[in-house]
Amino acid sequence: MRETFSPQAANDMIWAAVGSPLGLIAGYLVIANLWAFGLMWFDKRRARRGGRRIRERTLFLSALLGGSLGAVLGMRAFRHKTQHWYFVWGMPLILLAQAALGVWAWVCW
């Protein structure tokens, strides 16, 4: 059976005060994915109405910073950026790499 992370108060005062970092990581990922999903929605809305658009590098950066699932779901939900091969292949590859990193972190730690 796998043991959960339990900080020792005598050795590490930060983890004793904060607790397990899993809650912080999960909260960050939820916010990052909502942000990426919202960026896809906002950019699609601007594409239809005209106006200043969000840079493609900003959309990729939001995915690289943890919002890849939100970006992929936003692409599918709003049918946005689905004609660009670098989005069609790049966003799912970023998601796959982040999922592999998460599995590796879970197994090794």
N, C-alpha and C. Protein backbone atom coordinates (compact mmCIF):
# COMPACT_ATOMS: atom_id res chain seq x y z
N MET A 1 0.84 -1.18 0.00
CA MET A 1 0.00 0.00 0.00
C MET A 1 0.89 1.24 0.00
N ARG A 2 0.48 2.22 -0.72
CA ARG A 2 1.26 3.45 -0.88
C ARG A 2 1.00 4.39 0.29
N GLU A 3 2.08 4.91 0.86
CA GLU A 3 1.94 5.87 1.95
C GLU A 3 1.80 7.28 1.38
N THR A 4 1.02 8.08 2.03
CA THR A 4 0.88 9.47 1.60
C THR A 4 1.97 10.31 2.22
N PHE A 5 2.20 11.46 1.64
CA PHE A 5 3.23 12.38 2.12
C PHE A 5 2.80 12.98 3.45
N SER A 6 3.63 12.81 4.46
CA SER A 6 3.33 13.36 5.77
C SER A 6 4.58 14.08 6.29
N PRO A 7 4.55 15.39 6.37
CA PRO A 7 5.76 16.13 6.78
C PRO A 7 6.07 15.93 8.26
N GLN A 8 7.33 16.07 8.57
CA GLN A 8 7.78 15.98 9.95
C GLN A 8 7.98 17.40 10.46
N ALA A 9 7.30 17.75 11.54
CA ALA A 9 7.34 19.12 12.06
C ALA A 9 8.74 19.50 12.53
N ALA A 10 9.50 18.56 13.03
CA ALA A 10 10.83 18.89 13.55
C ALA A 10 11.81 19.21 12.43
N ASN A 11 11.62 18.63 11.25
CA ASN A 11 12.59 18.79 10.17
C ASN A 11 12.23 19.88 9.17
N ASP A 12 10.98 20.09 8.95
CA ASP A 12 10.59 21.00 7.89
C ASP A 12 9.40 21.84 8.34
N MET A 13 9.68 23.04 8.75
CA MET A 13 8.63 23.90 9.29
C MET A 13 7.65 24.37 8.22
N ILE A 14 8.11 24.49 6.97
CA ILE A 14 7.21 24.96 5.91
C ILE A 14 6.10 23.94 5.68
N TRP A 15 6.46 22.67 5.49
CA TRP A 15 5.43 21.65 5.23
C TRP A 15 4.57 21.43 6.46
N ALA A 16 5.12 21.65 7.62
CA ALA A 16 4.32 21.52 8.83
C ALA A 16 3.26 22.62 8.87
N ALA A 17 3.60 23.80 8.39
CA ALA A 17 2.64 24.91 8.39
C ALA A 17 1.64 24.79 7.25
N VAL A 18 2.10 24.38 6.09
CA VAL A 18 1.25 24.34 4.90
C VAL A 18 0.52 23.01 4.78
N GLY A 19 1.17 21.93 5.13
CA GLY A 19 0.61 20.61 4.91
C GLY A 19 1.15 20.03 3.62
N SER A 20 0.49 19.05 3.09
CA SER A 20 0.91 18.42 1.86
C SER A 20 0.81 19.40 0.69
N PRO A 21 1.79 19.38 -0.22
CA PRO A 21 1.74 20.30 -1.36
C PRO A 21 0.72 19.88 -2.42
N LEU A 22 0.11 18.73 -2.28
CA LEU A 22 -0.83 18.24 -3.30
C LEU A 22 -2.04 19.15 -3.45
N GLY A 23 -2.52 19.73 -2.38
CA GLY A 23 -3.65 20.64 -2.47
C GLY A 23 -3.30 21.92 -3.22
N LEU A 24 -2.11 22.42 -2.97
CA LEU A 24 -1.65 23.62 -3.68
C LEU A 24 -1.46 23.34 -5.17
N ILE A 25 -0.88 22.19 -5.48
CA ILE A 25 -0.66 21.82 -6.88
C ILE A 25 -2.00 21.63 -7.59
N ALA A 26 -2.93 20.95 -6.95
CA ALA A 26 -4.25 20.74 -7.55
C ALA A 26 -4.97 22.06 -7.76
N GLY A 27 -4.90 22.96 -6.80
CA GLY A 27 -5.53 24.26 -6.94
C GLY A 27 -4.93 25.06 -8.09
N TYR A 28 -3.60 25.02 -8.19
CA TYR A 28 -2.93 25.72 -9.29
C TYR A 28 -3.36 25.16 -10.63
N LEU A 29 -3.42 23.83 -10.75
CA LEU A 29 -3.80 23.22 -12.02
C LEU A 29 -5.24 23.54 -12.40
N VAL A 30 -6.12 23.60 -11.43
CA VAL A 30 -7.52 23.97 -11.73
C VAL A 30 -7.57 25.39 -12.27
N ILE A 31 -6.87 26.30 -11.62
CA ILE A 31 -6.87 27.70 -12.07
C ILE A 31 -6.22 27.83 -13.45
N ALA A 32 -5.10 27.15 -13.67
CA ALA A 32 -4.41 27.22 -14.96
C ALA A 32 -5.27 26.67 -16.09
N ASN A 33 -5.99 25.59 -15.84
CA ASN A 33 -6.84 25.00 -16.87
C ASN A 33 -8.07 25.86 -17.15
N LEU A 34 -8.64 26.43 -16.12
CA LEU A 34 -9.76 27.36 -16.34
C LEU A 34 -9.30 28.59 -17.12
N TRP A 35 -8.11 29.07 -16.81
CA TRP A 35 -7.55 30.22 -17.52
C TRP A 35 -7.34 29.90 -19.00
N ALA A 36 -6.74 28.74 -19.30
CA ALA A 36 -6.49 28.35 -20.69
C ALA A 36 -7.80 28.15 -21.45
N PHE A 37 -8.78 27.53 -20.80
CA PHE A 37 -10.09 27.35 -21.41
C PHE A 37 -10.73 28.70 -21.71
N GLY A 38 -10.63 29.62 -20.75
CA GLY A 38 -11.18 30.96 -20.93
C GLY A 38 -10.48 31.74 -22.03
N LEU A 39 -9.16 31.56 -22.15
CA LEU A 39 -8.43 32.22 -23.23
C LEU A 39 -8.90 31.73 -24.59
N MET A 40 -9.15 30.43 -24.72
CA MET A 40 -9.65 29.88 -25.99
C MET A 40 -11.02 30.47 -26.30
N TRP A 41 -11.88 30.56 -25.30
CA TRP A 41 -13.21 31.13 -25.50
C TRP A 41 -13.12 32.60 -25.91
N PHE A 42 -12.30 33.35 -25.21
CA PHE A 42 -12.16 34.77 -25.48
C PHE A 42 -11.59 35.02 -26.86
N ASP A 43 -10.58 34.23 -27.27
CA ASP A 43 -9.98 34.41 -28.58
C ASP A 43 -10.95 34.02 -29.69
N LYS A 44 -11.73 32.98 -29.47
CA LYS A 44 -12.74 32.60 -30.46
C LYS A 44 -13.79 33.70 -30.60
N ARG A 45 -14.18 34.25 -29.48
CA ARG A 45 -15.16 35.34 -29.50
C ARG A 45 -14.61 36.55 -30.26
N ARG A 46 -13.36 36.89 -30.02
CA ARG A 46 -12.74 38.00 -30.73
C ARG A 46 -12.57 37.69 -32.22
N ALA A 47 -12.33 36.43 -32.55
CA ALA A 47 -12.18 36.04 -33.96
C ALA A 47 -13.49 36.24 -34.71
N ARG A 48 -14.60 35.96 -34.06
CA ARG A 48 -15.91 36.13 -34.70
C ARG A 48 -16.29 37.60 -34.83
N ARG A 49 -16.09 38.36 -33.79
CA ARG A 49 -16.55 39.75 -33.75
C ARG A 49 -15.53 40.73 -34.32
N GLY A 50 -14.32 40.31 -34.44
CA GLY A 50 -13.26 41.24 -34.84
C GLY A 50 -12.68 41.91 -33.62
N GLY A 51 -11.52 42.41 -33.75
CA GLY A 51 -10.88 43.06 -32.62
C GLY A 51 -9.53 42.44 -32.34
N ARG A 52 -8.93 42.91 -31.30
CA ARG A 52 -7.59 42.45 -30.96
C ARG A 52 -7.63 41.02 -30.45
N ARG A 53 -6.80 40.17 -31.05
CA ARG A 53 -6.77 38.75 -30.73
C ARG A 53 -5.67 38.43 -29.72
N ILE A 54 -5.75 37.27 -29.16
CA ILE A 54 -4.72 36.78 -28.24
C ILE A 54 -3.63 36.11 -29.09
N ARG A 55 -2.39 36.38 -28.77
CA ARG A 55 -1.28 35.78 -29.52
C ARG A 55 -1.28 34.27 -29.36
N GLU A 56 -0.85 33.60 -30.42
CA GLU A 56 -0.77 32.14 -30.37
C GLU A 56 0.25 31.68 -29.34
N ARG A 57 1.31 32.43 -29.19
CA ARG A 57 2.31 32.04 -28.19
C ARG A 57 1.75 32.15 -26.77
N THR A 58 0.81 33.07 -26.55
CA THR A 58 0.17 33.17 -25.24
C THR A 58 -0.70 31.95 -24.98
N LEU A 59 -1.40 31.48 -26.01
CA LEU A 59 -2.22 30.27 -25.86
C LEU A 59 -1.34 29.06 -25.56
N PHE A 60 -0.21 28.95 -26.26
CA PHE A 60 0.72 27.85 -25.98
C PHE A 60 1.35 27.99 -24.59
N LEU A 61 1.67 29.20 -24.20
CA LEU A 61 2.26 29.41 -22.88
C LEU A 61 1.29 29.02 -21.77
N SER A 62 0.02 29.33 -21.96
CA SER A 62 -0.97 28.94 -20.95
C SER A 62 -1.06 27.42 -20.85
N ALA A 63 -0.89 26.73 -21.97
CA ALA A 63 -0.88 25.26 -21.94
C ALA A 63 0.40 24.74 -21.28
N LEU A 64 1.52 25.34 -21.61
CA LEU A 64 2.80 24.89 -21.03
C LEU A 64 2.87 25.11 -19.53
N LEU A 65 2.17 26.12 -19.04
CA LEU A 65 2.19 26.42 -17.60
C LEU A 65 1.17 25.60 -16.81
N GLY A 66 0.65 24.55 -17.41
CA GLY A 66 -0.23 23.64 -16.69
C GLY A 66 -1.66 23.61 -17.18
N GLY A 67 -2.02 24.42 -18.15
CA GLY A 67 -3.40 24.49 -18.62
C GLY A 67 -3.65 23.73 -19.90
N SER A 68 -2.89 22.68 -20.15
CA SER A 68 -3.03 21.98 -21.43
C SER A 68 -4.38 21.28 -21.56
N LEU A 69 -4.90 20.73 -20.50
CA LEU A 69 -6.22 20.08 -20.59
C LEU A 69 -7.29 21.11 -20.90
N GLY A 70 -7.25 22.26 -20.26
CA GLY A 70 -8.21 23.32 -20.53
C GLY A 70 -8.09 23.84 -21.95
N ALA A 71 -6.85 23.93 -22.46
CA ALA A 71 -6.64 24.40 -23.82
C ALA A 71 -7.19 23.41 -24.84
N VAL A 72 -6.94 22.12 -24.61
CA VAL A 72 -7.45 21.09 -25.54
C VAL A 72 -8.97 21.06 -25.50
N LEU A 73 -9.54 21.11 -24.30
CA LEU A 73 -11.00 21.12 -24.20
C LEU A 73 -11.59 22.38 -24.81
N GLY A 74 -10.92 23.51 -24.66
CA GLY A 74 -11.38 24.75 -25.28
C GLY A 74 -11.32 24.69 -26.79
N MET A 75 -10.27 24.08 -27.32
CA MET A 75 -10.17 23.90 -28.77
C MET A 75 -11.34 23.08 -29.29
N ARG A 76 -11.65 22.02 -28.59
CA ARG A 76 -12.73 21.12 -29.03
C ARG A 76 -14.10 21.77 -28.83
N ALA A 77 -14.31 22.39 -27.69
CA ALA A 77 -15.63 22.95 -27.37
C ALA A 77 -15.99 24.11 -28.29
N PHE A 78 -15.01 24.95 -28.60
CA PHE A 78 -15.29 26.14 -29.40
C PHE A 78 -14.86 25.99 -30.85
N ARG A 79 -14.34 24.83 -31.21
CA ARG A 79 -13.80 24.58 -32.55
C ARG A 79 -12.85 25.71 -32.95
N HIS A 80 -11.91 25.97 -32.07
CA HIS A 80 -10.98 27.09 -32.25
C HIS A 80 -9.57 26.57 -32.48
N LYS A 81 -8.92 27.11 -33.47
CA LYS A 81 -7.54 26.77 -33.84
C LYS A 81 -7.41 25.33 -34.32
N THR A 82 -8.48 24.75 -34.81
CA THR A 82 -8.43 23.36 -35.26
C THR A 82 -7.94 23.22 -36.69
N GLN A 83 -7.71 24.31 -37.37
CA GLN A 83 -7.16 24.27 -38.73
C GLN A 83 -5.64 24.41 -38.74
N HIS A 84 -5.06 24.72 -37.60
CA HIS A 84 -3.61 24.90 -37.51
C HIS A 84 -2.99 23.60 -36.99
N TRP A 85 -2.12 22.99 -37.80
CA TRP A 85 -1.55 21.70 -37.43
C TRP A 85 -0.76 21.79 -36.13
N TYR A 86 -0.11 22.92 -35.86
CA TYR A 86 0.69 23.03 -34.65
C TYR A 86 -0.17 23.10 -33.40
N PHE A 87 -1.43 23.49 -33.53
CA PHE A 87 -2.35 23.42 -32.40
C PHE A 87 -2.95 22.02 -32.30
N VAL A 88 -3.34 21.46 -33.43
CA VAL A 88 -3.96 20.13 -33.44
C VAL A 88 -3.02 19.08 -32.87
N TRP A 89 -1.73 19.18 -33.17
CA TRP A 89 -0.75 18.23 -32.66
C TRP A 89 -0.04 18.73 -31.41
N GLY A 90 0.20 20.02 -31.33
CA GLY A 90 0.99 20.55 -30.23
C GLY A 90 0.30 20.51 -28.89
N MET A 91 -0.95 20.93 -28.83
CA MET A 91 -1.66 20.95 -27.54
C MET A 91 -1.83 19.55 -26.94
N PRO A 92 -2.28 18.55 -27.74
CA PRO A 92 -2.35 17.20 -27.15
C PRO A 92 -0.99 16.64 -26.75
N LEU A 93 0.06 17.00 -27.49
CA LEU A 93 1.40 16.53 -27.11
C LEU A 93 1.85 17.15 -25.79
N ILE A 94 1.54 18.41 -25.60
CA ILE A 94 1.86 19.06 -24.33
C ILE A 94 1.09 18.37 -23.20
N LEU A 95 -0.20 18.08 -23.45
CA LEU A 95 -1.01 17.39 -22.45
C LEU A 95 -0.43 16.02 -22.12
N LEU A 96 -0.02 15.29 -23.15
CA LEU A 96 0.58 13.97 -22.94
C LEU A 96 1.87 14.07 -22.14
N ALA A 97 2.71 15.03 -22.47
CA ALA A 97 3.97 15.21 -21.75
C ALA A 97 3.72 15.57 -20.28
N GLN A 98 2.73 16.43 -20.04
CA GLN A 98 2.43 16.80 -18.66
C GLN A 98 1.82 15.64 -17.89
N ALA A 99 1.01 14.85 -18.55
CA ALA A 99 0.44 13.66 -17.88
C ALA A 99 1.55 12.67 -17.55
N ALA A 100 2.50 12.47 -18.47
CA ALA A 100 3.62 11.57 -18.22
C ALA A 100 4.48 12.09 -17.07
N LEU A 101 4.70 13.39 -17.03
CA LEU A 101 5.45 13.99 -15.93
C LEU A 101 4.72 13.80 -14.60
N GLY A 102 3.41 13.95 -14.60
CA GLY A 102 2.63 13.73 -13.39
C GLY A 102 2.69 12.29 -12.91
N VAL A 103 2.60 11.34 -13.83
CA VAL A 103 2.71 9.92 -13.47
C VAL A 103 4.09 9.63 -12.92
N TRP A 104 5.12 10.16 -13.58
CA TRP A 104 6.48 9.95 -13.11
C TRP A 104 6.67 10.51 -11.71
N ALA A 105 6.17 11.72 -11.48
CA ALA A 105 6.29 12.33 -10.16
C ALA A 105 5.56 11.52 -9.10
N TRP A 106 4.39 11.01 -9.45
CA TRP A 106 3.61 10.22 -8.49
C TRP A 106 4.34 8.92 -8.13
N VAL A 107 4.92 8.27 -9.12
CA VAL A 107 5.60 7.00 -8.90
C VAL A 107 6.92 7.20 -8.15
N CYS A 108 7.67 8.21 -8.53
CA CYS A 108 9.01 8.40 -7.93
C CYS A 108 8.96 9.03 -6.55
N TRP A 109 7.93 9.81 -6.27
CA TRP A 109 7.87 10.44 -4.95
C TRP A 109 6.88 9.74 -4.16
